[in-house]
């Protein structure tokens, strides 16, 4: 899995954890979030923030060729490219970041 994908997953996990606790970011969590976002390209962070404002999970897995977010089957070529490259890709249907983790 590429670094960008890993960082997006970590960022989503941090945001989810904070959201479930119903609290604001603590200083260590805030520092961790800043470090994650600074290590990613600005356009990825910007897209992530836009997606987060409209859906609970902006980063989802590819499971059986299907986007875990919108449950739409990806084109065979797109799914294969995702499996082979392992980089950040965008679901053509819902616009979420999508990744393949080997399952």
PDB file of N, CA and C in Angstrom:
ATOM      1  N   UNK A   1       0.843  -1.178   0.000  1.00  0.00           N
ATOM      2  CA  UNK A   1       0.000   0.000   0.000  1.00  0.00           C
ATOM      3  C   UNK A   1       0.887   1.240   0.000  1.00  0.00           C
ATOM      4  N   UNK A   2       0.556   2.153  -0.832  1.00  0.00           N
ATOM      5  CA  UNK A   2       1.344   3.380  -0.940  1.00  0.00           C
ATOM      6  C   UNK A   2       1.195   4.235   0.302  1.00  0.00           C
ATOM      7  N   UNK A   3       2.163   5.147   0.494  1.00  0.00           N
ATOM      8  CA  UNK A   3       2.160   6.011   1.673  1.00  0.00           C
ATOM      9  C   UNK A   3       0.908   6.877   1.755  1.00  0.00           C
ATOM     10  N   UNK A   4       0.448   7.434   0.634  1.00  0.00           N
ATOM     11  CA  UNK A   4      -0.716   8.309   0.661  1.00  0.00           C
ATOM     12  C   UNK A   4      -1.941   7.549   1.151  1.00  0.00           C
ATOM     13  N   UNK A   5      -2.111   6.334   0.668  1.00  0.00           N
ATOM     14  CA  UNK A   5      -3.254   5.522   1.082  1.00  0.00           C
ATOM     15  C   UNK A   5      -3.188   5.250   2.574  1.00  0.00           C
ATOM     16  N   UNK A   6      -2.027   4.862   3.045  1.00  0.00           N
ATOM     17  CA  UNK A   6      -1.843   4.576   4.461  1.00  0.00           C
ATOM     18  C   UNK A   6      -2.143   5.807   5.321  1.00  0.00           C
ATOM     19  N   UNK A   7      -1.666   6.952   4.889  1.00  0.00           N
ATOM     20  CA  UNK A   7      -1.901   8.183   5.655  1.00  0.00           C
ATOM     21  C   UNK A   7      -3.378   8.581   5.646  1.00  0.00           C
ATOM     22  N   UNK A   8      -4.044   8.404   4.516  1.00  0.00           N
ATOM     23  CA  UNK A   8      -5.478   8.707   4.460  1.00  0.00           C
ATOM     24  C   UNK A   8      -6.259   7.803   5.411  1.00  0.00           C
ATOM     25  N   UNK A   9      -5.889   6.533   5.468  1.00  0.00           N
ATOM     26  CA  UNK A   9      -6.552   5.594   6.367  1.00  0.00           C
ATOM     27  C   UNK A   9      -6.308   6.001   7.819  1.00  0.00           C
ATOM     28  N   UNK A  10      -5.081   6.386   8.134  1.00  0.00           N
ATOM     29  CA  UNK A  10      -4.764   6.824   9.497  1.00  0.00           C
ATOM     30  C   UNK A  10      -5.541   8.086   9.855  1.00  0.00           C
ATOM     31  N   UNK A  11      -5.624   9.014   8.920  1.00  0.00           N
ATOM     32  CA  UNK A  11      -6.349  10.261   9.155  1.00  0.00           C
ATOM     33  C   UNK A  11      -7.827   9.984   9.413  1.00  0.00           C
ATOM     34  N   UNK A  12      -8.411   9.113   8.609  1.00  0.00           N
ATOM     35  CA  UNK A  12      -9.817   8.764   8.803  1.00  0.00           C
ATOM     36  C   UNK A  12     -10.021   8.070  10.150  1.00  0.00           C
ATOM     37  N   UNK A  13      -9.107   7.177  10.527  1.00  0.00           N
ATOM     38  CA  UNK A  13      -9.215   6.489  11.817  1.00  0.00           C
ATOM     39  C   UNK A  13      -9.163   7.488  12.969  1.00  0.00           C
ATOM     40  N   UNK A  14      -8.280   8.445  12.875  1.00  0.00           N
ATOM     41  CA  UNK A  14      -8.171   9.480  13.910  1.00  0.00           C
ATOM     42  C   UNK A  14      -9.449  10.306  13.978  1.00  0.00           C
ATOM     43  N   UNK A  15      -9.960  10.732  12.835  1.00  0.00           N
ATOM     44  CA  UNK A  15     -11.185  11.521  12.794  1.00  0.00           C
ATOM     45  C   UNK A  15     -12.374  10.715  13.315  1.00  0.00           C
ATOM     46  N   UNK A  16     -12.435   9.439  12.993  1.00  0.00           N
ATOM     47  CA  UNK A  16     -13.519   8.573  13.457  1.00  0.00           C
ATOM     48  C   UNK A  16     -13.459   8.393  14.963  1.00  0.00           C
ATOM     49  N   UNK A  17     -12.261   8.172  15.469  1.00  0.00           N
ATOM     50  CA  UNK A  17     -12.072   7.999  16.912  1.00  0.00           C
ATOM     51  C   UNK A  17     -12.530   9.238  17.673  1.00  0.00           C
ATOM     52  N   UNK A  18     -12.146  10.387  17.197  1.00  0.00           N
ATOM     53  CA  UNK A  18     -12.540  11.639  17.846  1.00  0.00           C
ATOM     54  C   UNK A  18     -14.049  11.830  17.733  1.00  0.00           C
ATOM     55  N   UNK A  19     -14.609  11.521  16.569  1.00  0.00           N
ATOM     56  CA  UNK A  19     -16.049  11.668  16.361  1.00  0.00           C
ATOM     57  C   UNK A  19     -16.865  10.742  17.241  1.00  0.00           C
ATOM     58  N   UNK A  20     -16.393   9.533  17.477  1.00  0.00           N
ATOM     59  CA  UNK A  20     -17.110   8.579  18.313  1.00  0.00           C
ATOM     60  C   UNK A  20     -17.089   8.993  19.777  1.00  0.00           C
ATOM     61  N   UNK A  21     -16.018   9.610  20.202  1.00  0.00           N
ATOM     62  CA  UNK A  21     -15.917  10.063  21.586  1.00  0.00           C
ATOM     63  C   UNK A  21     -16.735  11.324  21.818  1.00  0.00           C
ATOM     64  N   UNK A  22     -17.142  11.971  20.743  1.00  0.00           N
ATOM     65  CA  UNK A  22     -17.925  13.189  20.862  1.00  0.00           C
ATOM     66  C   UNK A  22     -17.138  14.348  21.459  1.00  0.00           C
ATOM     67  N   UNK A  23     -15.840  14.271  21.315  1.00  0.00           N
ATOM     68  CA  UNK A  23     -15.002  15.304  21.909  1.00  0.00           C
ATOM     69  C   UNK A  23     -14.222  16.039  20.830  1.00  0.00           C
ATOM     70  N   UNK A  24     -13.544  17.062  21.264  1.00  0.00           N
ATOM     71  CA  UNK A  24     -12.663  17.784  20.357  1.00  0.00           C
ATOM     72  C   UNK A  24     -11.302  17.102  20.367  1.00  0.00           C
ATOM     73  N   UNK A  25     -10.476  17.448  19.419  1.00  0.00           N
ATOM     74  CA  UNK A  25      -9.135  16.876  19.356  1.00  0.00           C
ATOM     75  C   UNK A  25      -8.301  17.284  20.563  1.00  0.00           C
ATOM     76  N   UNK A  26      -7.634  16.308  21.153  1.00  0.00           N
ATOM     77  CA  UNK A  26      -6.682  16.631  22.207  1.00  0.00           C
ATOM     78  C   UNK A  26      -5.418  17.147  21.545  1.00  0.00           C
ATOM     79  N   UNK A  27      -4.541  17.734  22.315  1.00  0.00           N
ATOM     80  CA  UNK A  27      -3.300  18.284  21.756  1.00  0.00           C
ATOM     81  C   UNK A  27      -2.475  17.187  21.055  1.00  0.00           C
ATOM     82  N   UNK A  28      -2.275  16.006  21.667  1.00  0.00           N
ATOM     83  CA  UNK A  28      -1.510  14.974  20.950  1.00  0.00           C
ATOM     84  C   UNK A  28      -2.194  14.525  19.655  1.00  0.00           C
ATOM     85  N   UNK A  29      -3.532  14.405  19.687  1.00  0.00           N
ATOM     86  CA  UNK A  29      -4.261  14.026  18.472  1.00  0.00           C
ATOM     87  C   UNK A  29      -4.158  15.111  17.416  1.00  0.00           C
ATOM     88  N   UNK A  30      -4.221  16.359  17.848  1.00  0.00           N
ATOM     89  CA  UNK A  30      -4.109  17.481  16.922  1.00  0.00           C
ATOM     90  C   UNK A  30      -2.729  17.490  16.262  1.00  0.00           C
ATOM     91  N   UNK A  31      -1.694  17.248  17.050  1.00  0.00           N
ATOM     92  CA  UNK A  31      -0.335  17.194  16.501  1.00  0.00           C
ATOM     93  C   UNK A  31      -0.195  16.036  15.523  1.00  0.00           C
ATOM     94  N   UNK A  32      -0.773  14.898  15.881  1.00  0.00           N
ATOM     95  CA  UNK A  32      -0.722  13.738  14.982  1.00  0.00           C
ATOM     96  C   UNK A  32      -1.446  14.036  13.675  1.00  0.00           C
ATOM     97  N   UNK A  33      -2.591  14.702  13.765  1.00  0.00           N
ATOM     98  CA  UNK A  33      -3.352  15.043  12.560  1.00  0.00           C
ATOM     99  C   UNK A  33      -2.572  16.028  11.688  1.00  0.00           C
ATOM    100  N   UNK A  34      -1.961  17.015  12.310  1.00  0.00           N
ATOM    101  CA  UNK A  34      -1.155  17.995  11.567  1.00  0.00           C
ATOM    102  C   UNK A  34       0.009  17.293  10.870  1.00  0.00           C
ATOM    103  N   UNK A  35       0.681  16.393  11.574  1.00  0.00           N
ATOM    104  CA  UNK A  35       1.801  15.659  10.973  1.00  0.00           C
ATOM    105  C   UNK A  35       1.347  14.824   9.789  1.00  0.00           C
ATOM    106  N   UNK A  36       0.198  14.176   9.921  1.00  0.00           N
ATOM    107  CA  UNK A  36      -0.326  13.373   8.815  1.00  0.00           C
ATOM    108  C   UNK A  36      -0.656  14.243   7.610  1.00  0.00           C
ATOM    109  N   UNK A  37      -1.356  15.347   7.842  1.00  0.00           N
ATOM    110  CA  UNK A  37      -1.773  16.178   6.719  1.00  0.00           C
ATOM    111  C   UNK A  37      -0.600  16.879   6.053  1.00  0.00           C
ATOM    112  N   UNK A  38       0.421  17.242   6.831  1.00  0.00           N
ATOM    113  CA  UNK A  38       1.589  17.890   6.240  1.00  0.00           C
ATOM    114  C   UNK A  38       2.409  16.913   5.389  1.00  0.00           C
ATOM    115  N   UNK A  39       2.285  15.631   5.679  1.00  0.00           N
ATOM    116  CA  UNK A  39       3.042  14.627   4.936  1.00  0.00           C
ATOM    117  C   UNK A  39       2.351  14.224   3.627  1.00  0.00           C
ATOM    118  N   UNK A  40       1.141  14.758   3.401  1.00  0.00           N
ATOM    119  CA  UNK A  40       0.387  14.411   2.194  1.00  0.00           C
ATOM    120  C   UNK A  40       0.310  15.603   1.252  1.00  0.00           C
ATOM    121  N   UNK A  41       0.129  15.335  -0.026  1.00  0.00           N
ATOM    122  CA  UNK A  41      -0.077  16.429  -0.970  1.00  0.00           C
ATOM    123  C   UNK A  41      -1.327  17.237  -0.595  1.00  0.00           C
ATOM    124  N   UNK A  42      -1.250  18.536  -0.763  1.00  0.00           N
ATOM    125  CA  UNK A  42      -2.342  19.436  -0.367  1.00  0.00           C
ATOM    126  C   UNK A  42      -3.655  19.092  -1.066  1.00  0.00           C
ATOM    127  N   UNK A  43      -3.606  18.674  -2.328  1.00  0.00           N
ATOM    128  CA  UNK A  43      -4.841  18.361  -3.047  1.00  0.00           C
ATOM    129  C   UNK A  43      -5.542  17.139  -2.457  1.00  0.00           C
ATOM    130  N   UNK A  44      -4.785  16.173  -1.927  1.00  0.00           N
ATOM    131  CA  UNK A  44      -5.393  15.014  -1.273  1.00  0.00           C
ATOM    132  C   UNK A  44      -6.085  15.426   0.020  1.00  0.00           C
ATOM    133  N   UNK A  45      -5.422  16.259   0.795  1.00  0.00           N
ATOM    134  CA  UNK A  45      -5.994  16.718   2.063  1.00  0.00           C
ATOM    135  C   UNK A  45      -7.262  17.528   1.798  1.00  0.00           C
ATOM    136  N   UNK A  46      -7.210  18.402   0.821  1.00  0.00           N
ATOM    137  CA  UNK A  46      -8.362  19.216   0.476  1.00  0.00           C
ATOM    138  C   UNK A  46      -9.542  18.347   0.050  1.00  0.00           C
ATOM    139  N   UNK A  47      -9.291  17.375  -0.786  1.00  0.00           N
ATOM    140  CA  UNK A  47     -10.357  16.464  -1.236  1.00  0.00           C
ATOM    141  C   UNK A  47     -10.892  15.650  -0.059  1.00  0.00           C
ATOM    142  N   UNK A  48      -9.999  15.177   0.804  1.00  0.00           N
ATOM    143  CA  UNK A  48     -10.414  14.422   1.983  1.00  0.00           C
ATOM    144  C   UNK A  48     -11.355  15.261   2.844  1.00  0.00           C
ATOM    145  N   UNK A  49     -10.989  16.509   3.102  1.00  0.00           N
ATOM    146  CA  UNK A  49     -11.815  17.378   3.942  1.00  0.00           C
ATOM    147  C   UNK A  49     -13.185  17.627   3.304  1.00  0.00           C
ATOM    148  N   UNK A  50     -13.232  17.815   2.001  1.00  0.00           N
ATOM    149  CA  UNK A  50     -14.516  18.004   1.311  1.00  0.00           C
ATOM    150  C   UNK A  50     -15.380  16.750   1.428  1.00  0.00           C
ATOM    151  N   UNK A  51     -14.753  15.583   1.216  1.00  0.00           N
ATOM    152  CA  UNK A  51     -15.495  14.329   1.319  1.00  0.00           C
ATOM    153  C   UNK A  51     -15.987  14.093   2.741  1.00  0.00           C
ATOM    154  N   UNK A  52     -15.152  14.412   3.708  1.00  0.00           N
ATOM    155  CA  UNK A  52     -15.510  14.202   5.115  1.00  0.00           C
ATOM    156  C   UNK A  52     -16.722  15.043   5.499  1.00  0.00           C
ATOM    157  N   UNK A  53     -16.868  16.201   4.876  1.00  0.00           N
ATOM    158  CA  UNK A  53     -18.006  17.062   5.204  1.00  0.00           C
ATOM    159  C   UNK A  53     -19.321  16.502   4.657  1.00  0.00           C
ATOM    160  N   UNK A  54     -19.255  15.620   3.663  1.00  0.00           N
ATOM    161  CA  UNK A  54     -20.493  15.104   3.095  1.00  0.00           C
ATOM    162  C   UNK A  54     -20.745  13.624   3.343  1.00  0.00           C
ATOM    163  N   UNK A  55     -19.720  12.888   3.766  1.00  0.00           N
ATOM    164  CA  UNK A  55     -19.929  11.470   4.075  1.00  0.00           C
ATOM    165  C   UNK A  55     -19.066  11.068   5.269  1.00  0.00           C
ATOM    166  N   UNK A  56     -19.558  10.115   6.014  1.00  0.00           N
ATOM    167  CA  UNK A  56     -18.891   9.712   7.244  1.00  0.00           C
ATOM    168  C   UNK A  56     -17.538   9.049   6.988  1.00  0.00           C
ATOM    169  N   UNK A  57     -17.447   8.283   5.917  1.00  0.00           N
ATOM    170  CA  UNK A  57     -16.204   7.573   5.604  1.00  0.00           C
ATOM    171  C   UNK A  57     -15.712   7.956   4.214  1.00  0.00           C
ATOM    172  N   UNK A  58     -14.795   8.886   4.122  1.00  0.00           N
ATOM    173  CA  UNK A  58     -14.290   9.299   2.814  1.00  0.00           C
ATOM    174  C   UNK A  58     -13.277   8.325   2.208  1.00  0.00           C
ATOM    175  N   UNK A  59     -12.769   7.382   2.998  1.00  0.00           N
ATOM    176  CA  UNK A  59     -11.783   6.408   2.526  1.00  0.00           C
ATOM    177  C   UNK A  59     -12.366   5.020   2.757  1.00  0.00           C
ATOM    178  N   UNK A  60     -12.542   4.260   1.676  1.00  0.00           N
ATOM    179  CA  UNK A  60     -13.172   2.944   1.773  1.00  0.00           C
ATOM    180  C   UNK A  60     -12.358   1.899   1.013  1.00  0.00           C
ATOM    181  N   UNK A  61     -12.654   0.634   1.311  1.00  0.00           N
ATOM    182  CA  UNK A  61     -11.945  -0.474   0.658  1.00  0.00           C
ATOM    183  C   UNK A  61     -12.683  -0.942  -0.592  1.00  0.00           C
ATOM    184  N   UNK A  62     -11.942  -1.622  -1.429  1.00  0.00           N
ATOM    185  CA  UNK A  62     -12.506  -2.357  -2.549  1.00  0.00           C
ATOM    186  C   UNK A  62     -12.691  -3.789  -2.059  1.00  0.00           C
ATOM    187  N   UNK A  63     -13.927  -4.264  -2.036  1.00  0.00           N
ATOM    188  CA  UNK A  63     -14.220  -5.607  -1.543  1.00  0.00           C
ATOM    189  C   UNK A  63     -14.955  -6.371  -2.634  1.00  0.00           C
ATOM    190  N   UNK A  64     -14.326  -7.394  -3.163  1.00  0.00           N
ATOM    191  CA  UNK A  64     -14.947  -8.175  -4.224  1.00  0.00           C
ATOM    192  C   UNK A  64     -15.253  -7.366  -5.464  1.00  0.00           C
ATOM    193  N   UNK A  65     -14.420  -6.363  -5.733  1.00  0.00           N
ATOM    194  CA  UNK A  65     -14.623  -5.517  -6.896  1.00  0.00           C
ATOM    195  C   UNK A  65     -15.661  -4.436  -6.697  1.00  0.00           C
ATOM    196  N   UNK A  66     -16.167  -4.305  -5.461  1.00  0.00           N
ATOM    197  CA  UNK A  66     -17.229  -3.353  -5.153  1.00  0.00           C
ATOM    198  C   UNK A  66     -16.712  -2.297  -4.185  1.00  0.00           C
ATOM    199  N   UNK A  67     -17.067  -1.041  -4.426  1.00  0.00           N
ATOM    200  CA  UNK A  67     -16.728   0.055  -3.524  1.00  0.00           C
ATOM    201  C   UNK A  67     -17.504  -0.142  -2.227  1.00  0.00           C
ATOM    202  N   UNK A  68     -16.806  -0.142  -1.103  1.00  0.00           N
ATOM    203  CA  UNK A  68     -17.443  -0.346   0.187  1.00  0.00           C
ATOM    204  C   UNK A  68     -18.306   0.852   0.607  1.00  0.00           C
ATOM    205  N   UNK A  69     -18.106   1.988  -0.032  1.00  0.00           N
ATOM    206  CA  UNK A  69     -18.874   3.178   0.307  1.00  0.00           C
ATOM    207  C   UNK A  69     -20.225   3.232  -0.360  1.00  0.00           C
ATOM    208  N   UNK A  70     -20.256   3.070  -1.680  1.00  0.00           N
ATOM    209  CA  UNK A  70     -21.513   3.209  -2.425  1.00  0.00           C
ATOM    210  C   UNK A  70     -22.073   1.870  -2.904  1.00  0.00           C
ATOM    211  N   UNK A  71     -21.311   0.808  -2.712  1.00  0.00           N
ATOM    212  CA  UNK A  71     -21.737  -0.551  -3.091  1.00  0.00           C
ATOM    213  C   UNK A  71     -21.927  -0.728  -4.599  1.00  0.00           C
ATOM    214  N   UNK A  72     -21.188   0.046  -5.377  1.00  0.00           N
ATOM    215  CA  UNK A  72     -21.243  -0.078  -6.829  1.00  0.00           C
ATOM    216  C   UNK A  72     -19.999  -0.815  -7.291  1.00  0.00           C
ATOM    217  N   UNK A  73     -20.203  -1.763  -8.195  1.00  0.00           N
ATOM    218  CA  UNK A  73     -19.085  -2.547  -8.729  1.00  0.00           C
ATOM    219  C   UNK A  73     -18.251  -1.683  -9.660  1.00  0.00           C
ATOM    220  N   UNK A  74     -16.936  -1.691  -9.420  1.00  0.00           N
ATOM    221  CA  UNK A  74     -16.021  -0.944 -10.285  1.00  0.00           C
ATOM    222  C   UNK A  74     -15.831  -1.698 -11.589  1.00  0.00           C
ATOM    223  N   UNK A  75     -15.480  -0.965 -12.624  1.00  0.00           N
ATOM    224  CA  UNK A  75     -15.135  -1.604 -13.893  1.00  0.00           C
ATOM    225  C   UNK A  75     -13.965  -2.545 -13.643  1.00  0.00           C
ATOM    226  N   UNK A  76     -13.942  -3.655 -14.349  1.00  0.00           N
ATOM    227  CA  UNK A  76     -12.892  -4.662 -14.144  1.00  0.00           C
ATOM    228  C   UNK A  76     -11.504  -4.062 -14.307  1.00  0.00           C
ATOM    229  N   UNK A  77     -11.326  -3.167 -15.258  1.00  0.00           N
ATOM    230  CA  UNK A  77     -10.010  -2.562 -15.485  1.00  0.00           C
ATOM    231  C   UNK A  77      -9.611  -1.660 -14.319  1.00  0.00           C
ATOM    232  N   UNK A  78     -10.570  -0.904 -13.779  1.00  0.00           N
ATOM    233  CA  UNK A  78     -10.284  -0.022 -12.642  1.00  0.00           C
ATOM    234  C   UNK A  78      -9.963  -0.840 -11.399  1.00  0.00           C
ATOM    235  N   UNK A  79     -10.701  -1.914 -11.164  1.00  0.00           N
ATOM    236  CA  UNK A  79     -10.455  -2.772 -10.003  1.00  0.00           C
ATOM    237  C   UNK A  79      -9.080  -3.436 -10.117  1.00  0.00           C
ATOM    238  N   UNK A  80      -8.735  -3.893 -11.306  1.00  0.00           N
ATOM    239  CA  UNK A  80      -7.431  -4.527 -11.507  1.00  0.00           C
ATOM    240  C   UNK A  80      -6.296  -3.525 -11.305  1.00  0.00           C
ATOM    241  N   UNK A  81      -6.462  -2.321 -11.814  1.00  0.00           N
ATOM    242  CA  UNK A  81      -5.452  -1.279 -11.642  1.00  0.00           C
ATOM    243  C   UNK A  81      -5.257  -0.965 -10.160  1.00  0.00           C
ATOM    244  N   UNK A  82      -6.340  -0.925  -9.426  1.00  0.00           N
ATOM    245  CA  UNK A  82      -6.286  -0.667  -7.986  1.00  0.00           C
ATOM    246  C   UNK A  82      -5.538  -1.788  -7.270  1.00  0.00           C
ATOM    247  N   UNK A  83      -5.810  -3.014  -7.641  1.00  0.00           N
ATOM    248  CA  UNK A  83      -5.130  -4.165  -7.024  1.00  0.00           C
ATOM    249  C   UNK A  83      -3.639  -4.163  -7.329  1.00  0.00           C
ATOM    250  N   UNK A  84      -3.274  -3.833  -8.547  1.00  0.00           N
ATOM    251  CA  UNK A  84      -1.871  -3.894  -8.977  1.00  0.00           C
ATOM    252  C   UNK A  84      -1.068  -2.703  -8.458  1.00  0.00           C
ATOM    253  N   UNK A  85      -1.584  -1.500  -8.634  1.00  0.00           N
ATOM    254  CA  UNK A  85      -0.837  -0.292  -8.268  1.00  0.00           C
ATOM    255  C   UNK A  85      -0.839  -0.026  -6.770  1.00  0.00           C
ATOM    256  N   UNK A  86      -1.943  -0.298  -6.105  1.00  0.00           N
ATOM    257  CA  UNK A  86      -2.034  -0.058  -4.672  1.00  0.00           C
ATOM    258  C   UNK A  86      -1.982   1.404  -4.281  1.00  0.00           C
ATOM    259  N   UNK A  87      -2.240   2.295  -5.213  1.00  0.00           N
ATOM    260  CA  UNK A  87      -2.174   3.727  -4.920  1.00  0.00           C
ATOM    261  C   UNK A  87      -3.580   4.272  -4.650  1.00  0.00           C
ATOM    262  N   UNK A  88      -3.644   5.508  -4.271  1.00  0.00           N
ATOM    263  CA  UNK A  88      -4.916   6.174  -4.018  1.00  0.00           C
ATOM    264  C   UNK A  88      -5.674   6.294  -5.328  1.00  0.00           C
ATOM    265  N   UNK A  89      -6.929   5.884  -5.306  1.00  0.00           N
ATOM    266  CA  UNK A  89      -7.789   6.059  -6.465  1.00  0.00           C
ATOM    267  C   UNK A  89      -9.124   6.586  -5.994  1.00  0.00           C
ATOM    268  N   UNK A  90      -9.897   7.066  -6.920  1.00  0.00           N
ATOM    269  CA  UNK A  90     -11.193   7.663  -6.632  1.00  0.00           C
ATOM    270  C   UNK A  90     -12.273   6.789  -7.258  1.00  0.00           C
ATOM    271  N   UNK A  91     -13.312   6.492  -6.477  1.00  0.00           N
ATOM    272  CA  UNK A  91     -14.447   5.743  -7.016  1.00  0.00           C
ATOM    273  C   UNK A  91     -15.154   6.623  -8.031  1.00  0.00           C
ATOM    274  N   UNK A  92     -15.381   6.096  -9.220  1.00  0.00           N
ATOM    275  CA  UNK A  92     -16.041   6.867 -10.272  1.00  0.00           C
ATOM    276  C   UNK A  92     -17.489   7.199  -9.927  1.00  0.00           C
ATOM    277  N   UNK A  93     -18.095   6.419  -9.057  1.00  0.00           N
ATOM    278  CA  UNK A  93     -19.503   6.632  -8.744  1.00  0.00           C
ATOM    279  C   UNK A  93     -19.716   7.606  -7.582  1.00  0.00           C
ATOM    280  N   UNK A  94     -19.049   7.372  -6.437  1.00  0.00           N
ATOM    281  CA  UNK A  94     -19.313   8.199  -5.246  1.00  0.00           C
ATOM    282  C   UNK A  94     -18.225   9.232  -4.963  1.00  0.00           C
ATOM    283  N   UNK A  95     -17.060   9.103  -5.605  1.00  0.00           N
ATOM    284  CA  UNK A  95     -15.991  10.076  -5.433  1.00  0.00           C
ATOM    285  C   UNK A  95     -15.109   9.849  -4.218  1.00  0.00           C
ATOM    286  N   UNK A  96     -15.375   8.785  -3.437  1.00  0.00           N
ATOM    287  CA  UNK A  96     -14.549   8.505  -2.270  1.00  0.00           C
ATOM    288  C   UNK A  96     -13.181   7.977  -2.684  1.00  0.00           C
ATOM    289  N   UNK A  97     -12.215   8.130  -1.770  1.00  0.00           N
ATOM    290  CA  UNK A  97     -10.936   7.469  -1.951  1.00  0.00           C
ATOM    291  C   UNK A  97     -11.174   5.980  -1.766  1.00  0.00           C
ATOM    292  N   UNK A  98     -10.585   5.195  -2.609  1.00  0.00           N
ATOM    293  CA  UNK A  98     -10.785   3.754  -2.533  1.00  0.00           C
ATOM    294  C   UNK A  98      -9.430   3.068  -2.601  1.00  0.00           C
ATOM    295  N   UNK A  99      -9.290   1.988  -1.840  1.00  0.00           N
ATOM    296  CA  UNK A  99      -8.021   1.254  -1.807  1.00  0.00           C
ATOM    297  C   UNK A  99      -8.304  -0.247  -1.745  1.00  0.00           C
ATOM    298  N   UNK A 100      -7.308  -1.008  -2.075  1.00  0.00           N
ATOM    299  CA  UNK A 100      -7.375  -2.470  -2.013  1.00  0.00           C
ATOM    300  C   UNK A 100      -6.364  -2.934  -0.989  1.00  0.00           C
ATOM    301  N   UNK A 101      -6.826  -3.707  -0.006  1.00  0.00           N
ATOM    302  CA  UNK A 101      -5.909  -4.148   1.051  1.00  0.00           C
ATOM    303  C   UNK A 101      -5.569  -5.629   1.001  1.00  0.00           C
ATOM    304  N   UNK A 102      -5.872  -6.277  -0.112  1.00  0.00           N
ATOM    305  CA  UNK A 102      -5.471  -7.667  -0.278  1.00  0.00           C
ATOM    306  C   UNK A 102      -6.533  -8.679   0.062  1.00  0.00           C
ATOM    307  N   UNK A 103      -7.681  -8.239   0.490  1.00  0.00           N
ATOM    308  CA  UNK A 103      -8.763  -9.193   0.809  1.00  0.00           C
ATOM    309  C   UNK A 103      -9.577  -9.533  -0.402  1.00  0.00           C
TER     310      UNK A 103
END
